[in-house]
Amino acid sequence: MTYRETVTVLDPIGLHARPAGQIVKLVRDSGLDVHLANESGEVVSALSALRMMAMKVKTGQTIEVLIEDADSNVAERLVAQIKEFLKG
């Protein structure tokens, strides 16, 4: 089952190298299968900072976090951390 949550990018620069790198480290450490989808439906692995940045998500836009086969409490904590990274 896939856990899904929509997150708004609040960082004034959008989804750039620093938060993308933080997300990659978080996901790598979690061992979970995590993907991000932008508003146009493009889906990328959260293990690739370059692919995340290539989505060109700007301030105020949303991304959907998709986490495969995760306990909902674990998934909620992971998404909460991703939200913090995207605040700027």
N, C-alpha and C. Protein backbone atom coordinates (compact mmCIF):
# COMPACT_ATOMS: atom_id res chain seq x y z
N MET A 1 0.83 -1.17 0.00
CA MET A 1 0.00 0.00 0.00
C MET A 1 0.89 1.25 0.00
N THR A 2 0.45 2.27 -0.72
CA THR A 2 1.23 3.49 -0.84
C THR A 2 0.66 4.58 0.06
N TYR A 3 1.54 5.16 0.89
CA TYR A 3 1.18 6.32 1.70
C TYR A 3 1.42 7.55 0.83
N ARG A 4 0.44 8.44 0.78
CA ARG A 4 0.55 9.65 -0.04
C ARG A 4 0.24 10.87 0.80
N GLU A 5 1.05 11.90 0.62
CA GLU A 5 0.75 13.17 1.27
C GLU A 5 1.28 14.31 0.40
N THR A 6 0.48 15.35 0.29
CA THR A 6 0.86 16.53 -0.49
C THR A 6 1.58 17.53 0.41
N VAL A 7 2.68 18.06 -0.11
CA VAL A 7 3.52 18.99 0.63
C VAL A 7 3.70 20.25 -0.22
N THR A 8 3.56 21.41 0.41
CA THR A 8 3.79 22.67 -0.29
C THR A 8 5.24 23.11 -0.08
N VAL A 9 5.90 23.49 -1.16
CA VAL A 9 7.28 23.97 -1.09
C VAL A 9 7.24 25.44 -0.68
N LEU A 10 7.78 25.74 0.49
CA LEU A 10 7.76 27.10 1.02
C LEU A 10 9.11 27.81 0.91
N ASP A 11 10.16 27.06 0.61
CA ASP A 11 11.49 27.65 0.47
C ASP A 11 11.46 28.73 -0.61
N PRO A 12 12.00 29.92 -0.34
CA PRO A 12 11.95 31.00 -1.32
C PRO A 12 12.66 30.69 -2.63
N ILE A 13 13.54 29.71 -2.63
CA ILE A 13 14.26 29.33 -3.85
C ILE A 13 13.57 28.15 -4.54
N GLY A 14 12.59 27.53 -3.91
CA GLY A 14 11.93 26.35 -4.47
C GLY A 14 12.68 25.09 -4.03
N LEU A 15 12.48 24.02 -4.76
CA LEU A 15 13.17 22.75 -4.46
C LEU A 15 14.53 22.80 -5.13
N HIS A 16 15.56 23.14 -4.36
CA HIS A 16 16.91 23.31 -4.88
C HIS A 16 17.86 22.29 -4.24
N ALA A 17 19.15 22.48 -4.46
CA ALA A 17 20.15 21.47 -4.08
C ALA A 17 20.16 21.12 -2.60
N ARG A 18 20.10 22.12 -1.71
CA ARG A 18 20.20 21.82 -0.28
C ARG A 18 19.06 20.93 0.20
N PRO A 19 17.78 21.32 0.00
CA PRO A 19 16.72 20.42 0.48
C PRO A 19 16.69 19.09 -0.27
N ALA A 20 17.04 19.11 -1.55
CA ALA A 20 17.06 17.85 -2.30
C ALA A 20 18.08 16.90 -1.69
N GLY A 21 19.26 17.42 -1.34
CA GLY A 21 20.30 16.59 -0.71
C GLY A 21 19.86 16.08 0.65
N GLN A 22 19.18 16.93 1.41
CA GLN A 22 18.68 16.51 2.72
C GLN A 22 17.64 15.39 2.57
N ILE A 23 16.78 15.52 1.58
CA ILE A 23 15.76 14.50 1.34
C ILE A 23 16.41 13.18 0.94
N VAL A 24 17.41 13.23 0.06
CA VAL A 24 18.12 12.02 -0.35
C VAL A 24 18.72 11.31 0.87
N LYS A 25 19.39 12.05 1.74
CA LYS A 25 20.00 11.44 2.93
C LYS A 25 18.94 10.83 3.83
N LEU A 26 17.85 11.55 4.06
CA LEU A 26 16.76 11.07 4.90
C LEU A 26 16.18 9.77 4.34
N VAL A 27 15.91 9.75 3.06
CA VAL A 27 15.31 8.57 2.43
C VAL A 27 16.29 7.41 2.43
N ARG A 28 17.55 7.69 2.12
CA ARG A 28 18.57 6.62 2.13
C ARG A 28 18.66 6.00 3.52
N ASP A 29 18.68 6.84 4.55
CA ASP A 29 18.78 6.34 5.93
C ASP A 29 17.53 5.57 6.35
N SER A 30 16.38 5.93 5.80
CA SER A 30 15.12 5.26 6.17
C SER A 30 15.00 3.87 5.57
N GLY A 31 15.64 3.67 4.41
CA GLY A 31 15.51 2.39 3.72
C GLY A 31 14.17 2.20 3.02
N LEU A 32 13.37 3.24 2.97
CA LEU A 32 12.04 3.15 2.35
C LEU A 32 12.10 3.49 0.87
N ASP A 33 11.09 3.04 0.14
CA ASP A 33 10.94 3.34 -1.29
C ASP A 33 10.08 4.60 -1.39
N VAL A 34 10.72 5.74 -1.67
CA VAL A 34 10.03 7.03 -1.67
C VAL A 34 10.18 7.69 -3.03
N HIS A 35 9.08 8.22 -3.53
CA HIS A 35 9.07 8.98 -4.78
C HIS A 35 8.37 10.31 -4.55
N LEU A 36 8.69 11.28 -5.40
CA LEU A 36 8.03 12.59 -5.36
C LEU A 36 7.38 12.84 -6.71
N ALA A 37 6.18 13.43 -6.68
CA ALA A 37 5.48 13.76 -7.91
C ALA A 37 5.18 15.26 -7.90
N ASN A 38 5.46 15.92 -9.04
CA ASN A 38 5.15 17.34 -9.11
C ASN A 38 3.71 17.54 -9.60
N GLU A 39 3.31 18.80 -9.74
CA GLU A 39 1.92 19.10 -10.09
C GLU A 39 1.55 18.63 -11.49
N SER A 40 2.53 18.44 -12.37
CA SER A 40 2.23 17.96 -13.71
C SER A 40 2.23 16.44 -13.81
N GLY A 41 2.50 15.77 -12.67
CA GLY A 41 2.44 14.31 -12.63
C GLY A 41 3.76 13.60 -12.83
N GLU A 42 4.84 14.35 -13.03
CA GLU A 42 6.15 13.74 -13.18
C GLU A 42 6.56 13.12 -11.85
N VAL A 43 6.99 11.86 -11.86
CA VAL A 43 7.36 11.15 -10.65
C VAL A 43 8.85 10.80 -10.72
N VAL A 44 9.57 11.11 -9.62
CA VAL A 44 10.99 10.79 -9.56
C VAL A 44 11.32 10.13 -8.23
N SER A 45 12.41 9.40 -8.22
CA SER A 45 12.90 8.78 -7.00
C SER A 45 13.43 9.85 -6.05
N ALA A 46 13.13 9.71 -4.77
CA ALA A 46 13.66 10.64 -3.77
C ALA A 46 15.10 10.30 -3.42
N LEU A 47 15.71 9.37 -4.14
CA LEU A 47 17.12 9.06 -3.95
C LEU A 47 17.99 9.80 -4.97
N SER A 48 17.38 10.64 -5.80
CA SER A 48 18.12 11.38 -6.81
C SER A 48 17.88 12.88 -6.67
N ALA A 49 18.87 13.58 -6.11
CA ALA A 49 18.76 15.04 -5.97
C ALA A 49 18.64 15.70 -7.33
N LEU A 50 19.38 15.21 -8.32
CA LEU A 50 19.33 15.82 -9.65
C LEU A 50 17.95 15.71 -10.28
N ARG A 51 17.32 14.55 -10.13
CA ARG A 51 15.98 14.38 -10.71
C ARG A 51 14.96 15.24 -9.98
N MET A 52 15.11 15.37 -8.66
CA MET A 52 14.20 16.24 -7.91
C MET A 52 14.34 17.68 -8.39
N MET A 53 15.57 18.15 -8.54
CA MET A 53 15.79 19.53 -8.99
C MET A 53 15.31 19.73 -10.43
N ALA A 54 15.41 18.68 -11.25
CA ALA A 54 14.97 18.78 -12.65
C ALA A 54 13.47 18.96 -12.77
N MET A 55 12.71 18.65 -11.71
CA MET A 55 11.26 18.87 -11.74
C MET A 55 10.92 20.35 -11.70
N LYS A 56 11.90 21.19 -11.30
CA LYS A 56 11.75 22.64 -11.27
C LYS A 56 10.53 23.10 -10.47
N VAL A 57 10.42 22.55 -9.25
CA VAL A 57 9.31 22.92 -8.37
C VAL A 57 9.64 24.28 -7.73
N LYS A 58 8.74 25.21 -7.91
CA LYS A 58 8.94 26.58 -7.43
C LYS A 58 8.21 26.81 -6.10
N THR A 59 8.55 27.90 -5.44
CA THR A 59 7.91 28.30 -4.19
C THR A 59 6.40 28.37 -4.38
N GLY A 60 5.67 27.77 -3.44
CA GLY A 60 4.22 27.79 -3.48
C GLY A 60 3.60 26.61 -4.23
N GLN A 61 4.41 25.89 -4.99
CA GLN A 61 3.90 24.71 -5.68
C GLN A 61 3.89 23.52 -4.73
N THR A 62 3.17 22.48 -5.11
CA THR A 62 3.10 21.30 -4.26
C THR A 62 3.79 20.11 -4.91
N ILE A 63 4.21 19.20 -4.05
CA ILE A 63 4.69 17.90 -4.50
C ILE A 63 3.94 16.86 -3.69
N GLU A 64 3.77 15.70 -4.28
CA GLU A 64 3.16 14.60 -3.55
C GLU A 64 4.26 13.62 -3.19
N VAL A 65 4.30 13.27 -1.91
CA VAL A 65 5.28 12.30 -1.41
C VAL A 65 4.60 10.93 -1.42
N LEU A 66 5.22 9.97 -2.09
CA LEU A 66 4.68 8.62 -2.21
C LEU A 66 5.64 7.66 -1.54
N ILE A 67 5.16 6.95 -0.53
CA ILE A 67 6.00 6.03 0.23
C ILE A 67 5.37 4.64 0.17
N GLU A 68 6.13 3.69 -0.35
CA GLU A 68 5.64 2.32 -0.52
C GLU A 68 5.83 1.50 0.75
N ASP A 69 4.80 0.75 1.09
CA ASP A 69 4.88 -0.27 2.14
C ASP A 69 5.50 0.21 3.45
N ALA A 70 5.05 1.37 3.93
CA ALA A 70 5.58 1.90 5.19
C ALA A 70 4.47 1.97 6.22
N ASP A 71 4.84 1.75 7.46
CA ASP A 71 3.93 1.96 8.58
C ASP A 71 3.51 3.43 8.53
N SER A 72 2.24 3.71 8.78
CA SER A 72 1.75 5.09 8.64
C SER A 72 2.45 6.05 9.60
N ASN A 73 2.79 5.60 10.80
CA ASN A 73 3.50 6.47 11.74
C ASN A 73 4.90 6.82 11.23
N VAL A 74 5.58 5.84 10.67
CA VAL A 74 6.92 6.07 10.11
C VAL A 74 6.81 7.01 8.92
N ALA A 75 5.83 6.77 8.06
CA ALA A 75 5.64 7.62 6.88
C ALA A 75 5.30 9.05 7.28
N GLU A 76 4.46 9.23 8.27
CA GLU A 76 4.10 10.57 8.72
C GLU A 76 5.32 11.33 9.25
N ARG A 77 6.18 10.64 9.99
CA ARG A 77 7.39 11.29 10.51
C ARG A 77 8.33 11.67 9.38
N LEU A 78 8.46 10.79 8.39
CA LEU A 78 9.33 11.08 7.25
C LEU A 78 8.80 12.30 6.49
N VAL A 79 7.50 12.37 6.25
CA VAL A 79 6.92 13.50 5.54
C VAL A 79 7.08 14.79 6.35
N ALA A 80 6.94 14.71 7.66
CA ALA A 80 7.12 15.89 8.51
C ALA A 80 8.54 16.44 8.36
N GLN A 81 9.52 15.54 8.26
CA GLN A 81 10.91 15.99 8.08
C GLN A 81 11.09 16.62 6.70
N ILE A 82 10.48 16.03 5.68
CA ILE A 82 10.57 16.59 4.33
C ILE A 82 9.95 18.00 4.31
N LYS A 83 8.83 18.17 5.00
CA LYS A 83 8.21 19.50 5.08
C LYS A 83 9.17 20.51 5.70
N GLU A 84 9.88 20.11 6.74
CA GLU A 84 10.85 21.01 7.38
C GLU A 84 11.96 21.42 6.40
N PHE A 85 12.44 20.46 5.61
CA PHE A 85 13.50 20.75 4.63
C PHE A 85 13.02 21.75 3.57
N LEU A 86 11.73 21.73 3.26
CA LEU A 86 11.19 22.57 2.19
C LEU A 86 10.67 23.92 2.67
N LYS A 87 10.90 24.22 3.96
CA LYS A 87 10.49 25.52 4.49
C LYS A 87 11.48 26.63 4.17
N GLY A 88 12.75 26.24 3.99
CA GLY A 88 13.75 27.24 3.63
C GLY A 88 14.46 27.87 4.76
